[in-house]
Amino acid sequence: LFLIELWESVRDFIATGGDVLYIVAA
């Protein structure tokens, strides 16, 4: 459950910050 919540928070963060965050992460 912790991993699912962590993934959801990361997904929300990326949705809020935009697709450029994928490039920063890479």
mmCIF file of all heavy atoms, coordinates in Angstrom:
data_MODEL
# 
_entry.id   MODEL 
# 
loop_
_atom_site.group_PDB 
_atom_site.id 
_atom_site.type_symbol 
_atom_site.label_atom_id 
_atom_site.label_alt_id 
_atom_site.label_comp_id 
_atom_site.label_asym_id 
_atom_site.label_entity_id 
_atom_site.label_seq_id 
_atom_site.pdbx_PDB_ins_code 
_atom_site.Cartn_x 
_atom_site.Cartn_y 
_atom_site.Cartn_z 
_atom_site.occupancy 
_atom_site.B_iso_or_equiv 
_atom_site.pdbx_formal_charge 
_atom_site.auth_seq_id 
_atom_site.auth_comp_id 
_atom_site.auth_asym_id 
_atom_site.auth_atom_id 
_atom_site.pdbx_PDB_model_num 
ATOM 1   N N   . LEU A 1 1  ? 0.830  -1.194 0.000   1.00 0.00 ? 1  LEU A N   1 
ATOM 2   C CA  . LEU A 1 1  ? 0.000  0.000  0.000   1.00 0.00 ? 1  LEU A CA  1 
ATOM 3   C C   . LEU A 1 1  ? 0.875  1.259  0.000   1.00 0.00 ? 1  LEU A C   1 
ATOM 4   O O   . LEU A 1 1  ? 0.557  2.251  -0.658  1.00 0.00 ? 1  LEU A O   1 
ATOM 5   C CB  . LEU A 1 1  ? -0.945 -0.002 1.196   1.00 0.00 ? 1  LEU A CB  1 
ATOM 6   C CG  . LEU A 1 1  ? -1.941 1.140  1.284   1.00 0.00 ? 1  LEU A CG  1 
ATOM 7   C CD1 . LEU A 1 1  ? -2.878 1.099  0.073   1.00 0.00 ? 1  LEU A CD1 1 
ATOM 8   C CD2 . LEU A 1 1  ? -2.727 1.069  2.569   1.00 0.00 ? 1  LEU A CD2 1 
ATOM 9   N N   . PHE A 1 2  ? 1.994  1.177  0.722   1.00 0.00 ? 2  PHE A N   1 
ATOM 10  C CA  . PHE A 1 2  ? 2.921  2.309  0.777   1.00 0.00 ? 2  PHE A CA  1 
ATOM 11  C C   . PHE A 1 2  ? 3.452  2.629  -0.618  1.00 0.00 ? 2  PHE A C   1 
ATOM 12  O O   . PHE A 1 2  ? 3.556  3.803  -1.000  1.00 0.00 ? 2  PHE A O   1 
ATOM 13  C CB  . PHE A 1 2  ? 4.070  1.987  1.738   1.00 0.00 ? 2  PHE A CB  1 
ATOM 14  C CG  . PHE A 1 2  ? 5.181  2.991  1.687   1.00 0.00 ? 2  PHE A CG  1 
ATOM 15  C CD1 . PHE A 1 2  ? 5.023  4.252  2.252   1.00 0.00 ? 2  PHE A CD1 1 
ATOM 16  C CD2 . PHE A 1 2  ? 6.381  2.699  1.060   1.00 0.00 ? 2  PHE A CD2 1 
ATOM 17  C CE1 . PHE A 1 2  ? 6.033  5.187  2.198   1.00 0.00 ? 2  PHE A CE1 1 
ATOM 18  C CE2 . PHE A 1 2  ? 7.395  3.625  1.000   1.00 0.00 ? 2  PHE A CE2 1 
ATOM 19  C CZ  . PHE A 1 2  ? 7.224  4.869  1.575   1.00 0.00 ? 2  PHE A CZ  1 
ATOM 20  N N   . LEU A 1 3  ? 3.817  1.605  -1.378  1.00 0.00 ? 3  LEU A N   1 
ATOM 21  C CA  . LEU A 1 3  ? 4.344  1.829  -2.724  1.00 0.00 ? 3  LEU A CA  1 
ATOM 22  C C   . LEU A 1 3  ? 3.293  2.424  -3.645  1.00 0.00 ? 3  LEU A C   1 
ATOM 23  O O   . LEU A 1 3  ? 3.604  3.285  -4.476  1.00 0.00 ? 3  LEU A O   1 
ATOM 24  C CB  . LEU A 1 3  ? 4.875  0.518  -3.310  1.00 0.00 ? 3  LEU A CB  1 
ATOM 25  C CG  . LEU A 1 3  ? 6.121  -0.047 -2.642  1.00 0.00 ? 3  LEU A CG  1 
ATOM 26  C CD1 . LEU A 1 3  ? 6.473  -1.396 -3.256  1.00 0.00 ? 3  LEU A CD1 1 
ATOM 27  C CD2 . LEU A 1 3  ? 7.278  0.919  -2.760  1.00 0.00 ? 3  LEU A CD2 1 
ATOM 28  N N   . ILE A 1 4  ? 2.049  1.993  -3.503  1.00 0.00 ? 4  ILE A N   1 
ATOM 29  C CA  . ILE A 1 4  ? 0.967  2.541  -4.322  1.00 0.00 ? 4  ILE A CA  1 
ATOM 30  C C   . ILE A 1 4  ? 0.754  4.015  -3.992  1.00 0.00 ? 4  ILE A C   1 
ATOM 31  O O   . ILE A 1 4  ? 0.618  4.849  -4.887  1.00 0.00 ? 4  ILE A O   1 
ATOM 32  C CB  . ILE A 1 4  ? -0.324 1.722  -4.128  1.00 0.00 ? 4  ILE A CB  1 
ATOM 33  C CG1 . ILE A 1 4  ? -0.128 0.323  -4.710  1.00 0.00 ? 4  ILE A CG1 1 
ATOM 34  C CG2 . ILE A 1 4  ? -1.510 2.422  -4.785  1.00 0.00 ? 4  ILE A CG2 1 
ATOM 35  C CD1 . ILE A 1 4  ? -1.257 -0.638 -4.380  1.00 0.00 ? 4  ILE A CD1 1 
ATOM 36  N N   . GLU A 1 5  ? 0.768  4.337  -2.709  1.00 0.00 ? 5  GLU A N   1 
ATOM 37  C CA  . GLU A 1 5  ? 0.606  5.736  -2.297  1.00 0.00 ? 5  GLU A CA  1 
ATOM 38  C C   . GLU A 1 5  ? 1.789  6.588  -2.770  1.00 0.00 ? 5  GLU A C   1 
ATOM 39  O O   . GLU A 1 5  ? 1.605  7.722  -3.199  1.00 0.00 ? 5  GLU A O   1 
ATOM 40  C CB  . GLU A 1 5  ? 0.466  5.828  -0.784  1.00 0.00 ? 5  GLU A CB  1 
ATOM 41  C CG  . GLU A 1 5  ? -0.843 5.286  -0.260  1.00 0.00 ? 5  GLU A CG  1 
ATOM 42  C CD  . GLU A 1 5  ? -0.917 5.301  1.258   1.00 0.00 ? 5  GLU A CD  1 
ATOM 43  O OE1 . GLU A 1 5  ? 0.052  5.776  1.906   1.00 0.00 ? 5  GLU A OE1 1 
ATOM 44  O OE2 . GLU A 1 5  ? -1.934 4.841  1.780   1.00 0.00 ? 5  GLU A OE2 1 
ATOM 45  N N   . LEU A 1 6  ? 2.993  6.014  -2.684  1.00 0.00 ? 6  LEU A N   1 
ATOM 46  C CA  . LEU A 1 6  ? 4.169  6.737  -3.153  1.00 0.00 ? 6  LEU A CA  1 
ATOM 47  C C   . LEU A 1 6  ? 4.067  6.999  -4.654  1.00 0.00 ? 6  LEU A C   1 
ATOM 48  O O   . LEU A 1 6  ? 4.337  8.115  -5.118  1.00 0.00 ? 6  LEU A O   1 
ATOM 49  C CB  . LEU A 1 6  ? 5.436  5.933  -2.839  1.00 0.00 ? 6  LEU A CB  1 
ATOM 50  C CG  . LEU A 1 6  ? 6.754  6.572  -3.260  1.00 0.00 ? 6  LEU A CG  1 
ATOM 51  C CD1 . LEU A 1 6  ? 7.003  7.845  -2.463  1.00 0.00 ? 6  LEU A CD1 1 
ATOM 52  C CD2 . LEU A 1 6  ? 7.885  5.591  -3.069  1.00 0.00 ? 6  LEU A CD2 1 
ATOM 53  N N   . TRP A 1 7  ? 3.660  5.989  -5.427  1.00 0.00 ? 7  TRP A N   1 
ATOM 54  C CA  . TRP A 1 7  ? 3.525  6.147  -6.874  1.00 0.00 ? 7  TRP A CA  1 
ATOM 55  C C   . TRP A 1 7  ? 2.468  7.201  -7.199  1.00 0.00 ? 7  TRP A C   1 
ATOM 56  O O   . TRP A 1 7  ? 2.654  8.016  -8.096  1.00 0.00 ? 7  TRP A O   1 
ATOM 57  C CB  . TRP A 1 7  ? 3.170  4.819  -7.534  1.00 0.00 ? 7  TRP A CB  1 
ATOM 58  C CG  . TRP A 1 7  ? 2.824  4.985  -8.977  1.00 0.00 ? 7  TRP A CG  1 
ATOM 59  C CD1 . TRP A 1 7  ? 1.615  4.819  -9.552  1.00 0.00 ? 7  TRP A CD1 1 
ATOM 60  C CD2 . TRP A 1 7  ? 3.699  5.410  -10.029 1.00 0.00 ? 7  TRP A CD2 1 
ATOM 61  N NE1 . TRP A 1 7  ? 1.670  5.099  -10.892 1.00 0.00 ? 7  TRP A NE1 1 
ATOM 62  C CE2 . TRP A 1 7  ? 2.955  5.472  -11.218 1.00 0.00 ? 7  TRP A CE2 1 
ATOM 63  C CE3 . TRP A 1 7  ? 5.045  5.743  -10.083 1.00 0.00 ? 7  TRP A CE3 1 
ATOM 64  C CZ2 . TRP A 1 7  ? 3.497  5.843  -12.428 1.00 0.00 ? 7  TRP A CZ2 1 
ATOM 65  C CZ3 . TRP A 1 7  ? 5.584  6.124  -11.302 1.00 0.00 ? 7  TRP A CZ3 1 
ATOM 66  C CH2 . TRP A 1 7  ? 4.816  6.167  -12.448 1.00 0.00 ? 7  TRP A CH2 1 
ATOM 67  N N   . GLU A 1 8  ? 1.361  7.198  -6.459  1.00 0.00 ? 8  GLU A N   1 
ATOM 68  C CA  . GLU A 1 8  ? 0.311  8.196  -6.705  1.00 0.00 ? 8  GLU A CA  1 
ATOM 69  C C   . GLU A 1 8  ? 0.798  9.601  -6.406  1.00 0.00 ? 8  GLU A C   1 
ATOM 70  O O   . GLU A 1 8  ? 0.474  10.540 -7.141  1.00 0.00 ? 8  GLU A O   1 
ATOM 71  C CB  . GLU A 1 8  ? -0.938 7.863  -5.886  1.00 0.00 ? 8  GLU A CB  1 
ATOM 72  C CG  . GLU A 1 8  ? -1.704 6.665  -6.414  1.00 0.00 ? 8  GLU A CG  1 
ATOM 73  C CD  . GLU A 1 8  ? -2.919 6.308  -5.553  1.00 0.00 ? 8  GLU A CD  1 
ATOM 74  O OE1 . GLU A 1 8  ? -3.173 7.003  -4.549  1.00 0.00 ? 8  GLU A OE1 1 
ATOM 75  O OE2 . GLU A 1 8  ? -3.585 5.331  -5.903  1.00 0.00 ? 8  GLU A OE2 1 
ATOM 76  N N   . SER A 1 9  ? 1.569  9.760  -5.347  1.00 0.00 ? 9  SER A N   1 
ATOM 77  C CA  . SER A 1 9  ? 2.069  11.102 -5.023  1.00 0.00 ? 9  SER A CA  1 
ATOM 78  C C   . SER A 1 9  ? 3.074  11.571 -6.081  1.00 0.00 ? 9  SER A C   1 
ATOM 79  O O   . SER A 1 9  ? 3.084  12.743 -6.448  1.00 0.00 ? 9  SER A O   1 
ATOM 80  C CB  . SER A 1 9  ? 2.686  11.131 -3.623  1.00 0.00 ? 9  SER A CB  1 
ATOM 81  O OG  . SER A 1 9  ? 3.830  10.325 -3.561  1.00 0.00 ? 9  SER A OG  1 
ATOM 82  N N   . VAL A 1 10 ? 3.921  10.649 -6.577  1.00 0.00 ? 10 VAL A N   1 
ATOM 83  C CA  . VAL A 1 10 ? 4.861  11.013 -7.649  1.00 0.00 ? 10 VAL A CA  1 
ATOM 84  C C   . VAL A 1 10 ? 4.090  11.368 -8.916  1.00 0.00 ? 10 VAL A C   1 
ATOM 85  O O   . VAL A 1 10 ? 4.408  12.349 -9.599  1.00 0.00 ? 10 VAL A O   1 
ATOM 86  C CB  . VAL A 1 10 ? 5.867  9.862  -7.900  1.00 0.00 ? 10 VAL A CB  1 
ATOM 87  C CG1 . VAL A 1 10 ? 6.655  10.091 -9.177  1.00 0.00 ? 10 VAL A CG1 1 
ATOM 88  C CG2 . VAL A 1 10 ? 6.812  9.718  -6.722  1.00 0.00 ? 10 VAL A CG2 1 
ATOM 89  N N   . ARG A 1 11 ? 3.068  10.591 -9.238  1.00 0.00 ? 11 ARG A N   1 
ATOM 90  C CA  . ARG A 1 11 ? 2.266  10.854 -10.431 1.00 0.00 ? 11 ARG A CA  1 
ATOM 91  C C   . ARG A 1 11 ? 1.564  12.206 -10.319 1.00 0.00 ? 11 ARG A C   1 
ATOM 92  O O   . ARG A 1 11 ? 1.520  12.981 -11.281 1.00 0.00 ? 11 ARG A O   1 
ATOM 93  C CB  . ARG A 1 11 ? 1.242  9.733  -10.620 1.00 0.00 ? 11 ARG A CB  1 
ATOM 94  C CG  . ARG A 1 11 ? 0.547  9.788  -11.963 1.00 0.00 ? 11 ARG A CG  1 
ATOM 95  C CD  . ARG A 1 11 ? -0.473 8.684  -12.091 1.00 0.00 ? 11 ARG A CD  1 
ATOM 96  N NE  . ARG A 1 11 ? -1.489 8.903  -11.069 1.00 0.00 ? 11 ARG A NE  1 
ATOM 97  C CZ  . ARG A 1 11 ? -2.210 7.937  -10.517 1.00 0.00 ? 11 ARG A CZ  1 
ATOM 98  N NH1 . ARG A 1 11 ? -2.036 6.698  -10.867 1.00 0.00 ? 11 ARG A NH1 1 
ATOM 99  N NH2 . ARG A 1 11 ? -3.116 8.216  -9.605  1.00 0.00 ? 11 ARG A NH2 1 
ATOM 100 N N   . ASP A 1 12 ? 1.026  12.528 -9.128  1.00 0.00 ? 12 ASP A N   1 
ATOM 101 C CA  . ASP A 1 12 ? 0.384  13.835 -8.920  1.00 0.00 ? 12 ASP A CA  1 
ATOM 102 C C   . ASP A 1 12 ? 1.393  14.971 -9.047  1.00 0.00 ? 12 ASP A C   1 
ATOM 103 O O   . ASP A 1 12 ? 1.082  16.032 -9.604  1.00 0.00 ? 12 ASP A O   1 
ATOM 104 C CB  . ASP A 1 12 ? -0.298 13.888 -7.553  1.00 0.00 ? 12 ASP A CB  1 
ATOM 105 C CG  . ASP A 1 12 ? -1.497 12.970 -7.449  1.00 0.00 ? 12 ASP A CG  1 
ATOM 106 O OD1 . ASP A 1 12 ? -2.000 12.520 -8.509  1.00 0.00 ? 12 ASP A OD1 1 
ATOM 107 O OD2 . ASP A 1 12 ? -1.927 12.677 -6.319  1.00 0.00 ? 12 ASP A OD2 1 
ATOM 108 N N   . PHE A 1 13 ? 2.586  14.751 -8.510  1.00 0.00 ? 13 PHE A N   1 
ATOM 109 C CA  . PHE A 1 13 ? 3.635  15.769 -8.598  1.00 0.00 ? 13 PHE A CA  1 
ATOM 110 C C   . PHE A 1 13 ? 3.994  16.037 -10.051 1.00 0.00 ? 13 PHE A C   1 
ATOM 111 O O   . PHE A 1 13 ? 4.109  17.195 -10.476 1.00 0.00 ? 13 PHE A O   1 
ATOM 112 C CB  . PHE A 1 13 ? 4.867  15.301 -7.811  1.00 0.00 ? 13 PHE A CB  1 
ATOM 113 C CG  . PHE A 1 13 ? 6.009  16.271 -7.821  1.00 0.00 ? 13 PHE A CG  1 
ATOM 114 C CD1 . PHE A 1 13 ? 5.948  17.445 -7.078  1.00 0.00 ? 13 PHE A CD1 1 
ATOM 115 C CD2 . PHE A 1 13 ? 7.150  16.010 -8.554  1.00 0.00 ? 13 PHE A CD2 1 
ATOM 116 C CE1 . PHE A 1 13 ? 7.002  18.346 -7.076  1.00 0.00 ? 13 PHE A CE1 1 
ATOM 117 C CE2 . PHE A 1 13 ? 8.214  16.898 -8.560  1.00 0.00 ? 13 PHE A CE2 1 
ATOM 118 C CZ  . PHE A 1 13 ? 8.133  18.061 -7.819  1.00 0.00 ? 13 PHE A CZ  1 
ATOM 119 N N   . ILE A 1 14 ? 4.157  14.976 -10.835 1.00 0.00 ? 14 ILE A N   1 
ATOM 120 C CA  . ILE A 1 14 ? 4.490  15.140 -12.255 1.00 0.00 ? 14 ILE A CA  1 
ATOM 121 C C   . ILE A 1 14 ? 3.333  15.783 -13.011 1.00 0.00 ? 14 ILE A C   1 
ATOM 122 O O   . ILE A 1 14 ? 3.542  16.631 -13.880 1.00 0.00 ? 14 ILE A O   1 
ATOM 123 C CB  . ILE A 1 14 ? 4.900  13.788 -12.874 1.00 0.00 ? 14 ILE A CB  1 
ATOM 124 C CG1 . ILE A 1 14 ? 6.263  13.385 -12.312 1.00 0.00 ? 14 ILE A CG1 1 
ATOM 125 C CG2 . ILE A 1 14 ? 4.954  13.851 -14.391 1.00 0.00 ? 14 ILE A CG2 1 
ATOM 126 C CD1 . ILE A 1 14 ? 6.739  12.021 -12.726 1.00 0.00 ? 14 ILE A CD1 1 
ATOM 127 N N   . ALA A 1 15 ? 2.093  15.412 -12.665 1.00 0.00 ? 15 ALA A N   1 
ATOM 128 C CA  . ALA A 1 15 ? 0.940  16.026 -13.326 1.00 0.00 ? 15 ALA A CA  1 
ATOM 129 C C   . ALA A 1 15 ? 0.871  17.512 -13.020 1.00 0.00 ? 15 ALA A C   1 
ATOM 130 O O   . ALA A 1 15 ? 0.525  18.316 -13.895 1.00 0.00 ? 15 ALA A O   1 
ATOM 131 C CB  . ALA A 1 15 ? -0.342 15.328 -12.884 1.00 0.00 ? 15 ALA A CB  1 
ATOM 132 N N   . THR A 1 16 ? 1.234  17.890 -11.806 1.00 0.00 ? 16 THR A N   1 
ATOM 133 C CA  . THR A 1 16 ? 1.214  19.300 -11.431 1.00 0.00 ? 16 THR A CA  1 
ATOM 134 C C   . THR A 1 16 ? 2.355  20.063 -12.097 1.00 0.00 ? 16 THR A C   1 
ATOM 135 O O   . THR A 1 16 ? 2.177  21.199 -12.523 1.00 0.00 ? 16 THR A O   1 
ATOM 136 C CB  . THR A 1 16 ? 1.327  19.448 -9.899  1.00 0.00 ? 16 THR A CB  1 
ATOM 137 O OG1 . THR A 1 16 ? 0.300  18.692 -9.284  1.00 0.00 ? 16 THR A OG1 1 
ATOM 138 C CG2 . THR A 1 16 ? 1.191  20.891 -9.472  1.00 0.00 ? 16 THR A CG2 1 
ATOM 139 N N   . GLY A 1 17 ? 3.528  19.427 -12.206 1.00 0.00 ? 17 GLY A N   1 
ATOM 140 C CA  . GLY A 1 17 ? 4.692  20.111 -12.749 1.00 0.00 ? 17 GLY A CA  1 
ATOM 141 C C   . GLY A 1 17 ? 4.847  20.024 -14.242 1.00 0.00 ? 17 GLY A C   1 
ATOM 142 O O   . GLY A 1 17 ? 5.608  20.776 -14.829 1.00 0.00 ? 17 GLY A O   1 
ATOM 143 N N   . GLY A 1 18 ? 4.163  19.101 -14.870 1.00 0.00 ? 18 GLY A N   1 
ATOM 144 C CA  . GLY A 1 18 ? 4.240  18.996 -16.331 1.00 0.00 ? 18 GLY A CA  1 
ATOM 145 C C   . GLY A 1 18 ? 5.236  17.948 -16.803 1.00 0.00 ? 18 GLY A C   1 
ATOM 146 O O   . GLY A 1 18 ? 5.981  17.354 -16.026 1.00 0.00 ? 18 GLY A O   1 
ATOM 147 N N   . ASP A 1 19 ? 5.234  17.737 -18.088 1.00 0.00 ? 19 ASP A N   1 
ATOM 148 C CA  . ASP A 1 19 ? 6.046  16.693 -18.691 1.00 0.00 ? 19 ASP A CA  1 
ATOM 149 C C   . ASP A 1 19 ? 7.541  16.970 -18.632 1.00 0.00 ? 19 ASP A C   1 
ATOM 150 O O   . ASP A 1 19 ? 8.354  16.058 -18.811 1.00 0.00 ? 19 ASP A O   1 
ATOM 151 C CB  . ASP A 1 19 ? 5.632  16.474 -20.149 1.00 0.00 ? 19 ASP A CB  1 
ATOM 152 C CG  . ASP A 1 19 ? 4.248  15.855 -20.258 1.00 0.00 ? 19 ASP A CG  1 
ATOM 153 O OD1 . ASP A 1 19 ? 3.808  15.210 -19.285 1.00 0.00 ? 19 ASP A OD1 1 
ATOM 154 O OD2 . ASP A 1 19 ? 3.611  16.019 -21.322 1.00 0.00 ? 19 ASP A OD2 1 
ATOM 155 N N   . VAL A 1 20 ? 7.925  18.196 -18.381 1.00 0.00 ? 20 VAL A N   1 
ATOM 156 C CA  . VAL A 1 20 ? 9.345  18.536 -18.289 1.00 0.00 ? 20 VAL A CA  1 
ATOM 157 C C   . VAL A 1 20 ? 9.994  17.795 -17.118 1.00 0.00 ? 20 VAL A C   1 
ATOM 158 O O   . VAL A 1 20 ? 11.191 17.491 -17.149 1.00 0.00 ? 20 VAL A O   1 
ATOM 159 C CB  . VAL A 1 20 ? 9.531  20.067 -18.165 1.00 0.00 ? 20 VAL A CB  1 
ATOM 160 C CG1 . VAL A 1 20 ? 10.967 20.441 -17.918 1.00 0.00 ? 20 VAL A CG1 1 
ATOM 161 C CG2 . VAL A 1 20 ? 9.026  20.739 -19.420 1.00 0.00 ? 20 VAL A CG2 1 
ATOM 162 N N   . LEU A 1 21 ? 9.198  17.438 -16.124 1.00 0.00 ? 21 LEU A N   1 
ATOM 163 C CA  . LEU A 1 21 ? 9.746  16.704 -14.986 1.00 0.00 ? 21 LEU A CA  1 
ATOM 164 C C   . LEU A 1 21 ? 10.276 15.336 -15.396 1.00 0.00 ? 21 LEU A C   1 
ATOM 165 O O   . LEU A 1 21 ? 11.182 14.801 -14.756 1.00 0.00 ? 21 LEU A O   1 
ATOM 166 C CB  . LEU A 1 21 ? 8.690  16.558 -13.881 1.00 0.00 ? 21 LEU A CB  1 
ATOM 167 C CG  . LEU A 1 21 ? 8.359  17.845 -13.141 1.00 0.00 ? 21 LEU A CG  1 
ATOM 168 C CD1 . LEU A 1 21 ? 7.294  17.600 -12.095 1.00 0.00 ? 21 LEU A CD1 1 
ATOM 169 C CD2 . LEU A 1 21 ? 9.594  18.418 -12.488 1.00 0.00 ? 21 LEU A CD2 1 
ATOM 170 N N   . TYR A 1 22 ? 9.743  14.748 -16.456 1.00 0.00 ? 22 TYR A N   1 
ATOM 171 C CA  . TYR A 1 22 ? 10.290 13.484 -16.956 1.00 0.00 ? 22 TYR A CA  1 
ATOM 172 C C   . TYR A 1 22 ? 11.718 13.686 -17.449 1.00 0.00 ? 22 TYR A C   1 
ATOM 173 O O   . TYR A 1 22 ? 12.588 12.835 -17.254 1.00 0.00 ? 22 TYR A O   1 
ATOM 174 C CB  . TYR A 1 22 ? 9.433  12.920 -18.089 1.00 0.00 ? 22 TYR A CB  1 
ATOM 175 C CG  . TYR A 1 22 ? 8.104  12.369 -17.634 1.00 0.00 ? 22 TYR A CG  1 
ATOM 176 C CD1 . TYR A 1 22 ? 6.918  12.951 -18.056 1.00 0.00 ? 22 TYR A CD1 1 
ATOM 177 C CD2 . TYR A 1 22 ? 8.033  11.268 -16.796 1.00 0.00 ? 22 TYR A CD2 1 
ATOM 178 C CE1 . TYR A 1 22 ? 5.692  12.445 -17.653 1.00 0.00 ? 22 TYR A CE1 1 
ATOM 179 C CE2 . TYR A 1 22 ? 6.823  10.753 -16.380 1.00 0.00 ? 22 TYR A CE2 1 
ATOM 180 C CZ  . TYR A 1 22 ? 5.647  11.343 -16.819 1.00 0.00 ? 22 TYR A CZ  1 
ATOM 181 O OH  . TYR A 1 22 ? 4.440  10.840 -16.408 1.00 0.00 ? 22 TYR A OH  1 
ATOM 182 N N   . ILE A 1 23 ? 11.957 14.817 -18.088 1.00 0.00 ? 23 ILE A N   1 
ATOM 183 C CA  . ILE A 1 23 ? 13.300 15.108 -18.592 1.00 0.00 ? 23 ILE A CA  1 
ATOM 184 C C   . ILE A 1 23 ? 14.254 15.351 -17.429 1.00 0.00 ? 23 ILE A C   1 
ATOM 185 O O   . ILE A 1 23 ? 15.397 14.879 -17.438 1.00 0.00 ? 23 ILE A O   1 
ATOM 186 C CB  . ILE A 1 23 ? 13.269 16.313 -19.557 1.00 0.00 ? 23 ILE A CB  1 
ATOM 187 C CG1 . ILE A 1 23 ? 12.335 16.023 -20.725 1.00 0.00 ? 23 ILE A CG1 1 
ATOM 188 C CG2 . ILE A 1 23 ? 14.671 16.641 -20.064 1.00 0.00 ? 23 ILE A CG2 1 
ATOM 189 C CD1 . ILE A 1 23 ? 12.053 17.224 -21.593 1.00 0.00 ? 23 ILE A CD1 1 
ATOM 190 N N   . VAL A 1 24 ? 13.791 16.079 -16.407 1.00 0.00 ? 24 VAL A N   1 
ATOM 191 C CA  . VAL A 1 24 ? 14.611 16.300 -15.209 1.00 0.00 ? 24 VAL A CA  1 
ATOM 192 C C   . VAL A 1 24 ? 14.934 14.956 -14.561 1.00 0.00 ? 24 VAL A C   1 
ATOM 193 O O   . VAL A 1 24 ? 16.086 14.698 -14.172 1.00 0.00 ? 24 VAL A O   1 
ATOM 194 C CB  . VAL A 1 24 ? 13.902 17.239 -14.205 1.00 0.00 ? 24 VAL A CB  1 
ATOM 195 C CG1 . VAL A 1 24 ? 14.661 17.303 -12.892 1.00 0.00 ? 24 VAL A CG1 1 
ATOM 196 C CG2 . VAL A 1 24 ? 13.740 18.628 -14.781 1.00 0.00 ? 24 VAL A CG2 1 
ATOM 197 N N   . ALA A 1 25 ? 13.933 14.089 -14.446 1.00 0.00 ? 25 ALA A N   1 
ATOM 198 C CA  . ALA A 1 25 ? 14.150 12.776 -13.831 1.00 0.00 ? 25 ALA A CA  1 
ATOM 199 C C   . ALA A 1 25 ? 15.138 11.943 -14.643 1.00 0.00 ? 25 ALA A C   1 
ATOM 200 O O   . ALA A 1 25 ? 15.998 11.258 -14.076 1.00 0.00 ? 25 ALA A O   1 
ATOM 201 C CB  . ALA A 1 25 ? 12.821 12.039 -13.685 1.00 0.00 ? 25 ALA A CB  1 
ATOM 202 N N   . ALA A 1 26 ? 15.042 11.995 -15.959 1.00 0.00 ? 26 ALA A N   1 
ATOM 203 C CA  . ALA A 1 26 ? 15.965 11.236 -16.801 1.00 0.00 ? 26 ALA A CA  1 
ATOM 204 C C   . ALA A 1 26 ? 17.396 11.759 -16.637 1.00 0.00 ? 26 ALA A C   1 
ATOM 205 O O   . ALA A 1 26 ? 18.345 10.967 -16.508 1.00 0.00 ? 26 ALA A O   1 
ATOM 206 C CB  . ALA A 1 26 ? 15.534 11.316 -18.259 1.00 0.00 ? 26 ALA A CB  1 
# 
